[in-house]
Structure formats: C-alpha cells, structure tokens
Amino acid sequence: MPVSAQVTVEATATIIVPAANSYQTAYLHNLGGGPIYLGASNVTTSNGYKLDNGDKLTVTVGDSEALYAVTASGTQTVAVLRQK
C-alpha cells in the first residue's frame, strides 16, 4: 500500500523515509525554495545527494534502512510517496 507525506526538512538530519523490514521504492519531489541533500543519518550539505528545488527522484531504500535529508539553512518541504 502506498504511503504519502509532505515532510519539512531542516538544517539537521530529518528522516524522510523511515526504515522498514523490506525494500521500499520512494518517489521524492522537492517542493521547497532551495535544495535538499539526501543520505544516511550523517548526511550533510557536503556529503549528501543534492536535490534542487522542483526536482523529482525515484530511489530504492534498502531493507532496515532509512533515508534522511538536510538543508543548508531554513526549512524546505519534500513530498514523499513510498511503496513497501
């Protein structure tokens, strides 16, 4: 069953796809006013995958893993649709 949410991402690592006991496909759309950076719990603007404002991405999140995001400053909103 698909699960959708709009997540507010801040300058500290924020979970945007929580861990599950199976692989998940996540569809991301950066709705905010600036880029977000994707990665593990230690994600930063220096080591994260940059998703610019308006960009969309499909990503597979591994078994028992979570996907995090961070901003350079302020807050941004990312729309997330995930399928278990």
PDB file of N, CA and C in Angstrom:
ATOM      1  N   MET A   1       0.839  -1.170   0.000  1.00  0.00           N
ATOM      2  CA  MET A   1       0.000   0.000   0.000  1.00  0.00           C
ATOM      3  C   MET A   1       0.893   1.245   0.000  1.00  0.00           C
ATOM      4  N   PRO A   2       0.654   2.203  -0.882  1.00  0.00           N
ATOM      5  CA  PRO A   2       1.456   3.433  -0.910  1.00  0.00           C
ATOM      6  C   PRO A   2       1.175   4.298   0.316  1.00  0.00           C
ATOM      7  N   VAL A   3       2.218   5.004   0.724  1.00  0.00           N
ATOM      8  CA  VAL A   3       2.114   5.951   1.838  1.00  0.00           C
ATOM      9  C   VAL A   3       2.655   7.279   1.337  1.00  0.00           C
ATOM     10  N   SER A   4       1.907   8.357   1.565  1.00  0.00           N
ATOM     11  CA  SER A   4       2.370   9.667   1.113  1.00  0.00           C
ATOM     12  C   SER A   4       2.463  10.627   2.288  1.00  0.00           C
ATOM     13  N   ALA A   5       3.370  11.602   2.147  1.00  0.00           N
ATOM     14  CA  ALA A   5       3.553  12.607   3.191  1.00  0.00           C
ATOM     15  C   ALA A   5       4.280  13.806   2.604  1.00  0.00           C
ATOM     16  N   GLN A   6       4.119  14.939   3.255  1.00  0.00           N
ATOM     17  CA  GLN A   6       4.943  16.099   2.965  1.00  0.00           C
ATOM     18  C   GLN A   6       5.753  16.342   4.230  1.00  0.00           C
ATOM     19  N   VAL A   7       7.071  16.299   4.079  1.00  0.00           N
ATOM     20  CA  VAL A   7       7.978  16.359   5.221  1.00  0.00           C
ATOM     21  C   VAL A   7       8.735  17.678   5.199  1.00  0.00           C
ATOM     22  N   THR A   8       8.792  18.336   6.348  1.00  0.00           N
ATOM     23  CA  THR A   8       9.576  19.558   6.492  1.00  0.00           C
ATOM     24  C   THR A   8      11.002  19.172   6.851  1.00  0.00           C
ATOM     25  N   VAL A   9      11.943  19.595   6.021  1.00  0.00           N
ATOM     26  CA  VAL A   9      13.354  19.277   6.204  1.00  0.00           C
ATOM     27  C   VAL A   9      14.049  20.509   6.765  1.00  0.00           C
ATOM     28  N   GLU A  10      14.908  20.299   7.749  1.00  0.00           N
ATOM     29  CA  GLU A  10      15.613  21.389   8.414  1.00  0.00           C
ATOM     30  C   GLU A  10      17.113  21.233   8.225  1.00  0.00           C
ATOM     31  N   ALA A  11      17.882  22.078   8.906  1.00  0.00           N
ATOM     32  CA  ALA A  11      19.343  22.071   8.798  1.00  0.00           C
ATOM     33  C   ALA A  11      19.983  20.930   9.592  1.00  0.00           C
ATOM     34  N   THR A  12      19.184  20.157  10.314  1.00  0.00           N
ATOM     35  CA  THR A  12      19.675  18.939  10.957  1.00  0.00           C
ATOM     36  C   THR A  12      19.008  17.761  10.258  1.00  0.00           C
ATOM     37  N   ALA A  13      19.662  16.621  10.247  1.00  0.00           N
ATOM     38  CA  ALA A  13      19.165  15.453   9.513  1.00  0.00           C
ATOM     39  C   ALA A  13      17.744  15.092   9.938  1.00  0.00           C
ATOM     40  N   THR A  14      16.862  14.967   8.950  1.00  0.00           N
ATOM     41  CA  THR A  14      15.449  14.664   9.152  1.00  0.00           C
ATOM     42  C   THR A  14      15.122  13.390   8.382  1.00  0.00           C
ATOM     43  N   ILE A  15      14.448  12.441   9.030  1.00  0.00           N
ATOM     44  CA  ILE A  15      14.037  11.211   8.339  1.00  0.00           C
ATOM     45  C   ILE A  15      12.911  11.550   7.374  1.00  0.00           C
ATOM     46  N   ILE A  16      13.098  11.203   6.084  1.00  0.00           N
ATOM     47  CA  ILE A  16      12.022  11.410   5.120  1.00  0.00           C
ATOM     48  C   ILE A  16      11.421  10.085   4.653  1.00  0.00           C
ATOM     49  N   VAL A  17      12.181   8.985   4.761  1.00  0.00           N
ATOM     50  CA  VAL A  17      11.656   7.647   4.511  1.00  0.00           C
ATOM     51  C   VAL A  17      12.107   6.780   5.687  1.00  0.00           C
ATOM     52  N   PRO A  18      11.178   6.413   6.577  1.00  0.00           N
ATOM     53  CA  PRO A  18      11.563   5.616   7.738  1.00  0.00           C
ATOM     54  C   PRO A  18      11.956   4.192   7.352  1.00  0.00           C
ATOM     55  N   ALA A  19      12.758   3.582   8.198  1.00  0.00           N
ATOM     56  CA  ALA A  19      13.189   2.200   7.972  1.00  0.00           C
ATOM     57  C   ALA A  19      11.985   1.266   7.989  1.00  0.00           C
ATOM     58  N   ALA A  20      12.067   0.218   7.183  1.00  0.00           N
ATOM     59  CA  ALA A  20      11.029  -0.811   7.135  1.00  0.00           C
ATOM     60  C   ALA A  20      11.728  -2.161   7.050  1.00  0.00           C
ATOM     61  N   ASN A  21      10.970  -3.217   7.213  1.00  0.00           N
ATOM     62  CA  ASN A  21      11.579  -4.552   7.174  1.00  0.00           C
ATOM     63  C   ASN A  21      11.620  -5.131   5.765  1.00  0.00           C
ATOM     64  N   SER A  22      11.538  -4.248   4.762  1.00  0.00           N
ATOM     65  CA  SER A  22      11.668  -4.665   3.369  1.00  0.00           C
ATOM     66  C   SER A  22      12.158  -3.481   2.548  1.00  0.00           C
ATOM     67  N   TYR A  23      12.591  -3.751   1.339  1.00  0.00           N
ATOM     68  CA  TYR A  23      12.995  -2.659   0.445  1.00  0.00           C
ATOM     69  C   TYR A  23      11.784  -1.798   0.114  1.00  0.00           C
ATOM     70  N   GLN A  24      12.027  -0.488  -0.074  1.00  0.00           N
ATOM     71  CA  GLN A  24      10.961   0.439  -0.414  1.00  0.00           C
ATOM     72  C   GLN A  24      11.362   1.258  -1.637  1.00  0.00           C
ATOM     73  N   THR A  25      10.411   1.540  -2.491  1.00  0.00           N
ATOM     74  CA  THR A  25      10.620   2.493  -3.567  1.00  0.00           C
ATOM     75  C   THR A  25      10.011   3.807  -3.115  1.00  0.00           C
ATOM     76  N   ALA A  26      10.799   4.877  -3.174  1.00  0.00           N
ATOM     77  CA  ALA A  26      10.324   6.192  -2.746  1.00  0.00           C
ATOM     78  C   ALA A  26      10.409   7.165  -3.913  1.00  0.00           C
ATOM     79  N   TYR A  27       9.348   7.928  -4.078  1.00  0.00           N
ATOM     80  CA  TYR A  27       9.281   8.970  -5.096  1.00  0.00           C
ATOM     81  C   TYR A  27       9.330  10.297  -4.357  1.00  0.00           C
ATOM     82  N   LEU A  28      10.347  11.109  -4.642  1.00  0.00           N
ATOM     83  CA  LEU A  28      10.581  12.356  -3.921  1.00  0.00           C
ATOM     84  C   LEU A  28      10.384  13.538  -4.856  1.00  0.00           C
ATOM     85  N   HIS A  29       9.813  14.623  -4.330  1.00  0.00           N
ATOM     86  CA  HIS A  29       9.651  15.866  -5.080  1.00  0.00           C
ATOM     87  C   HIS A  29       9.969  17.014  -4.128  1.00  0.00           C
ATOM     88  N   ASN A  30      11.042  17.742  -4.425  1.00  0.00           N
ATOM     89  CA  ASN A  30      11.446  18.863  -3.589  1.00  0.00           C
ATOM     90  C   ASN A  30      10.534  20.050  -3.875  1.00  0.00           C
ATOM     91  N   LEU A  31       9.674  20.388  -2.936  1.00  0.00           N
ATOM     92  CA  LEU A  31       8.701  21.465  -3.102  1.00  0.00           C
ATOM     93  C   LEU A  31       9.189  22.791  -2.538  1.00  0.00           C
ATOM     94  N   GLY A  32      10.308  22.777  -1.816  1.00  0.00           N
ATOM     95  CA  GLY A  32      10.775  23.958  -1.089  1.00  0.00           C
ATOM     96  C   GLY A  32      11.392  25.022  -1.960  1.00  0.00           C
ATOM     97  N   GLY A  33      11.969  26.024  -1.316  1.00  0.00           N
ATOM     98  CA  GLY A  33      12.561  27.155  -2.011  1.00  0.00           C
ATOM     99  C   GLY A  33      14.037  27.004  -2.291  1.00  0.00           C
ATOM    100  N   GLY A  34      14.617  25.862  -1.982  1.00  0.00           N
ATOM    101  CA  GLY A  34      16.042  25.641  -2.208  1.00  0.00           C
ATOM    102  C   GLY A  34      16.351  24.164  -2.204  1.00  0.00           C
ATOM    103  N   PRO A  35      17.619  23.813  -2.358  1.00  0.00           N
ATOM    104  CA  PRO A  35      17.986  22.395  -2.438  1.00  0.00           C
ATOM    105  C   PRO A  35      17.889  21.682  -1.097  1.00  0.00           C
ATOM    106  N   ILE A  36      17.716  20.364  -1.179  1.00  0.00           N
ATOM    107  CA  ILE A  36      17.881  19.497  -0.028  1.00  0.00           C
ATOM    108  C   ILE A  36      18.964  18.499  -0.385  1.00  0.00           C
ATOM    109  N   TYR A  37      19.534  17.865   0.631  1.00  0.00           N
ATOM    110  CA  TYR A  37      20.621  16.907   0.442  1.00  0.00           C
ATOM    111  C   TYR A  37      20.202  15.594   1.090  1.00  0.00           C
ATOM    112  N   LEU A  38      20.313  14.498   0.354  1.00  0.00           N
ATOM    113  CA  LEU A  38      19.835  13.187   0.779  1.00  0.00           C
ATOM    114  C   LEU A  38      20.984  12.279   1.178  1.00  0.00           C
ATOM    115  N   GLY A  39      20.729  11.404   2.152  1.00  0.00           N
ATOM    116  CA  GLY A  39      21.742  10.439   2.539  1.00  0.00           C
ATOM    117  C   GLY A  39      21.346   9.674   3.791  1.00  0.00           C
ATOM    118  N   ALA A  40      22.357   9.147   4.470  1.00  0.00           N
ATOM    119  CA  ALA A  40      22.172   8.396   5.709  1.00  0.00           C
ATOM    120  C   ALA A  40      22.017   9.361   6.883  1.00  0.00           C
ATOM    121  N   SER A  41      21.998   8.844   8.085  1.00  0.00           N
ATOM    122  CA  SER A  41      21.775   9.683   9.266  1.00  0.00           C
ATOM    123  C   SER A  41      22.858  10.741   9.459  1.00  0.00           C
ATOM    124  N   ASN A  42      24.007  10.553   8.837  1.00  0.00           N
ATOM    125  CA  ASN A  42      25.106  11.522   8.949  1.00  0.00           C
ATOM    126  C   ASN A  42      25.137  12.496   7.764  1.00  0.00           C
ATOM    127  N   VAL A  43      24.042  12.627   7.022  1.00  0.00           N
ATOM    128  CA  VAL A  43      24.016  13.465   5.824  1.00  0.00           C
ATOM    129  C   VAL A  43      24.302  14.931   6.168  1.00  0.00           C
ATOM    130  N   THR A  44      25.065  15.571   5.293  1.00  0.00           N
ATOM    131  CA  THR A  44      25.354  16.999   5.390  1.00  0.00           C
ATOM    132  C   THR A  44      25.254  17.595   3.991  1.00  0.00           C
ATOM    133  N   THR A  45      25.400  18.895   3.900  1.00  0.00           N
ATOM    134  CA  THR A  45      25.407  19.538   2.586  1.00  0.00           C
ATOM    135  C   THR A  45      26.677  19.193   1.821  1.00  0.00           C
ATOM    136  N   SER A  46      27.692  18.695   2.507  1.00  0.00           N
ATOM    137  CA  SER A  46      28.953  18.329   1.859  1.00  0.00           C
ATOM    138  C   SER A  46      28.960  16.907   1.321  1.00  0.00           C
ATOM    139  N   ASN A  47      28.222  15.985   1.973  1.00  0.00           N
ATOM    140  CA  ASN A  47      28.278  14.585   1.544  1.00  0.00           C
ATOM    141  C   ASN A  47      26.958  14.052   0.988  1.00  0.00           C
ATOM    142  N   GLY A  48      25.898  14.860   1.007  1.00  0.00           N
ATOM    143  CA  GLY A  48      24.589  14.406   0.554  1.00  0.00           C
ATOM    144  C   GLY A  48      24.386  14.536  -0.945  1.00  0.00           C
ATOM    145  N   TYR A  49      23.396  13.817  -1.437  1.00  0.00           N
ATOM    146  CA  TYR A  49      22.990  13.895  -2.851  1.00  0.00           C
ATOM    147  C   TYR A  49      22.066  15.101  -2.975  1.00  0.00           C
ATOM    148  N   LYS A  50      22.442  16.068  -3.801  1.00  0.00           N
ATOM    149  CA  LYS A  50      21.705  17.321  -3.919  1.00  0.00           C
ATOM    150  C   LYS A  50      20.456  17.140  -4.788  1.00  0.00           C
ATOM    151  N   LEU A  51      19.312  17.549  -4.239  1.00  0.00           N
ATOM    152  CA  LEU A  51      18.055  17.547  -4.969  1.00  0.00           C
ATOM    153  C   LEU A  51      17.566  18.996  -4.998  1.00  0.00           C
ATOM    154  N   ASP A  52      17.698  19.629  -6.160  1.00  0.00           N
ATOM    155  CA  ASP A  52      17.348  21.042  -6.295  1.00  0.00           C
ATOM    156  C   ASP A  52      15.850  21.275  -6.186  1.00  0.00           C
ATOM    157  N   ASN A  53      15.486  22.531  -5.936  1.00  0.00           N
ATOM    158  CA  ASN A  53      14.089  22.931  -5.859  1.00  0.00           C
ATOM    159  C   ASN A  53      13.356  22.495  -7.128  1.00  0.00           C
ATOM    160  N   GLY A  54      12.235  21.816  -6.951  1.00  0.00           N
ATOM    161  CA  GLY A  54      11.434  21.355  -8.081  1.00  0.00           C
ATOM    162  C   GLY A  54      11.849  20.014  -8.652  1.00  0.00           C
ATOM    163  N   ASP A  55      13.023  19.519  -8.285  1.00  0.00           N
ATOM    164  CA  ASP A  55      13.491  18.237  -8.810  1.00  0.00           C
ATOM    165  C   ASP A  55      12.694  17.069  -8.237  1.00  0.00           C
ATOM    166  N   LYS A  56      12.638  15.988  -9.031  1.00  0.00           N
ATOM    167  CA  LYS A  56      11.993  14.750  -8.616  1.00  0.00           C
ATOM    168  C   LYS A  56      12.999  13.616  -8.727  1.00  0.00           C
ATOM    169  N   LEU A  57      12.849  12.610  -7.868  1.00  0.00           N
ATOM    170  CA  LEU A  57      13.786  11.491  -7.845  1.00  0.00           C
ATOM    171  C   LEU A  57      13.052  10.240  -7.385  1.00  0.00           C
ATOM    172  N   THR A  58      13.371   9.114  -8.013  1.00  0.00           N
ATOM    173  CA  THR A  58      12.896   7.815  -7.556  1.00  0.00           C
ATOM    174  C   THR A  58      14.094   7.084  -6.985  1.00  0.00           C
ATOM    175  N   VAL A  59      13.948   6.556  -5.770  1.00  0.00           N
ATOM    176  CA  VAL A  59      15.068   5.905  -5.104  1.00  0.00           C
ATOM    177  C   VAL A  59      14.564   4.650  -4.388  1.00  0.00           C
ATOM    178  N   THR A  60      15.402   3.626  -4.359  1.00  0.00           N
ATOM    179  CA  THR A  60      15.112   2.426  -3.588  1.00  0.00           C
ATOM    180  C   THR A  60      15.860   2.517  -2.266  1.00  0.00           C
ATOM    181  N   VAL A  61      15.120   2.351  -1.183  1.00  0.00           N
ATOM    182  CA  VAL A  61      15.708   2.405   0.156  1.00  0.00           C
ATOM    183  C   VAL A  61      15.815   0.978   0.665  1.00  0.00           C
ATOM    184  N   GLY A  62      17.008   0.610   1.110  1.00  0.00           N
ATOM    185  CA  GLY A  62      17.291  -0.765   1.500  1.00  0.00           C
ATOM    186  C   GLY A  62      16.533  -1.259   2.711  1.00  0.00           C
ATOM    187  N   ASP A  63      16.525  -2.561   2.845  1.00  0.00           N
ATOM    188  CA  ASP A  63      15.913  -3.250   3.969  1.00  0.00           C
ATOM    189  C   ASP A  63      16.489  -2.727   5.279  1.00  0.00           C
ATOM    190  N   SER A  64      15.631  -2.315   6.204  1.00  0.00           N
ATOM    191  CA  SER A  64      16.003  -1.805   7.529  1.00  0.00           C
ATOM    192  C   SER A  64      16.847  -0.531   7.468  1.00  0.00           C
ATOM    193  N   GLU A  65      16.781   0.205   6.379  1.00  0.00           N
ATOM    194  CA  GLU A  65      17.490   1.476   6.257  1.00  0.00           C
ATOM    195  C   GLU A  65      16.480   2.611   6.160  1.00  0.00           C
ATOM    196  N   ALA A  66      16.900   3.803   6.570  1.00  0.00           N
ATOM    197  CA  ALA A  66      16.076   4.999   6.455  1.00  0.00           C
ATOM    198  C   ALA A  66      16.785   5.983   5.530  1.00  0.00           C
ATOM    199  N   LEU A  67      16.024   6.902   4.958  1.00  0.00           N
ATOM    200  CA  LEU A  67      16.585   7.956   4.124  1.00  0.00           C
ATOM    201  C   LEU A  67      16.387   9.278   4.837  1.00  0.00           C
ATOM    202  N   TYR A  68      17.464  10.051   4.922  1.00  0.00           N
ATOM    203  CA  TYR A  68      17.455  11.331   5.621  1.00  0.00           C
ATOM    204  C   TYR A  68      17.677  12.463   4.628  1.00  0.00           C
ATOM    205  N   ALA A  69      17.297  13.667   5.044  1.00  0.00           N
ATOM    206  CA  ALA A  69      17.543  14.860   4.238  1.00  0.00           C
ATOM    207  C   ALA A  69      17.927  16.008   5.167  1.00  0.00           C
ATOM    208  N   VAL A  70      18.614  16.988   4.593  1.00  0.00           N
ATOM    209  CA  VAL A  70      19.054  18.159   5.339  1.00  0.00           C
ATOM    210  C   VAL A  70      19.042  19.352   4.382  1.00  0.00           C
ATOM    211  N   THR A  71      18.902  20.562   4.923  1.00  0.00           N
ATOM    212  CA  THR A  71      19.010  21.781   4.121  1.00  0.00           C
ATOM    213  C   THR A  71      20.270  22.531   4.533  1.00  0.00           C
ATOM    214  N   ALA A  72      20.683  23.477   3.702  1.00  0.00           N
ATOM    215  CA  ALA A  72      21.821  24.331   4.064  1.00  0.00           C
ATOM    216  C   ALA A  72      21.412  25.290   5.177  1.00  0.00           C
ATOM    217  N   SER A  73      20.180  25.782   5.126  1.00  0.00           N
ATOM    218  CA  SER A  73      19.637  26.656   6.169  1.00  0.00           C
ATOM    219  C   SER A  73      18.130  26.738   5.994  1.00  0.00           C
ATOM    220  N   GLY A  74      17.447  27.122   7.037  1.00  0.00           N
ATOM    221  CA  GLY A  74      15.996  27.251   6.958  1.00  0.00           C
ATOM    222  C   GLY A  74      15.315  25.910   6.803  1.00  0.00           C
ATOM    223  N   THR A  75      14.100  25.942   6.272  1.00  0.00           N
ATOM    224  CA  THR A  75      13.338  24.714   6.070  1.00  0.00           C
ATOM    225  C   THR A  75      12.866  24.620   4.620  1.00  0.00           C
ATOM    226  N   GLN A  76      12.721  23.395   4.155  1.00  0.00           N
ATOM    227  CA  GLN A  76      12.196  23.091   2.830  1.00  0.00           C
ATOM    228  C   GLN A  76      11.176  21.968   3.005  1.00  0.00           C
ATOM    229  N   THR A  77      10.288  21.830   2.040  1.00  0.00           N
ATOM    230  CA  THR A  77       9.297  20.756   2.083  1.00  0.00           C
ATOM    231  C   THR A  77       9.563  19.787   0.940  1.00  0.00           C
ATOM    232  N   VAL A  78       9.515  18.499   1.275  1.00  0.00           N
ATOM    233  CA  VAL A  78       9.666  17.454   0.260  1.00  0.00           C
ATOM    234  C   VAL A  78       8.434  16.554   0.316  1.00  0.00           C
ATOM    235  N   ALA A  79       7.842  16.302  -0.844  1.00  0.00           N
ATOM    236  CA  ALA A  79       6.736  15.364  -0.943  1.00  0.00           C
ATOM    237  C   ALA A  79       7.308  13.964  -1.136  1.00  0.00           C
ATOM    238  N   VAL A  80       6.785  13.010  -0.381  1.00  0.00           N
ATOM    239  CA  VAL A  80       7.298  11.639  -0.424  1.00  0.00           C
ATOM    240  C   VAL A  80       6.123  10.689  -0.656  1.00  0.00           C
ATOM    241  N   LEU A  81       6.270   9.838  -1.658  1.00  0.00           N
ATOM    242  CA  LEU A  81       5.333   8.748  -1.889  1.00  0.00           C
ATOM    243  C   LEU A  81       6.181   7.483  -1.867  1.00  0.00           C
ATOM    244  N   ARG A  82       5.846   6.568  -0.982  1.00  0.00           N
ATOM    245  CA  ARG A  82       6.648   5.350  -0.893  1.00  0.00           C
ATOM    246  C   ARG A  82       5.762   4.127  -0.987  1.00  0.00           C
ATOM    247  N   GLN A  83       6.340   3.088  -1.553  1.00  0.00           N
ATOM    248  CA  GLN A  83       5.657   1.815  -1.741  1.00  0.00           C
ATOM    249  C   GLN A  83       6.468   0.737  -1.065  1.00  0.00           C
ATOM    250  N   LYS A  84       5.862   0.009  -0.149  1.00  0.00           N
ATOM    251  CA  LYS A  84       6.546  -1.087   0.530  1.00  0.00           C
ATOM    252  C   LYS A  84       6.492  -2.321  -0.336  1.00  0.00           C
TER     253      LYS A  84
END
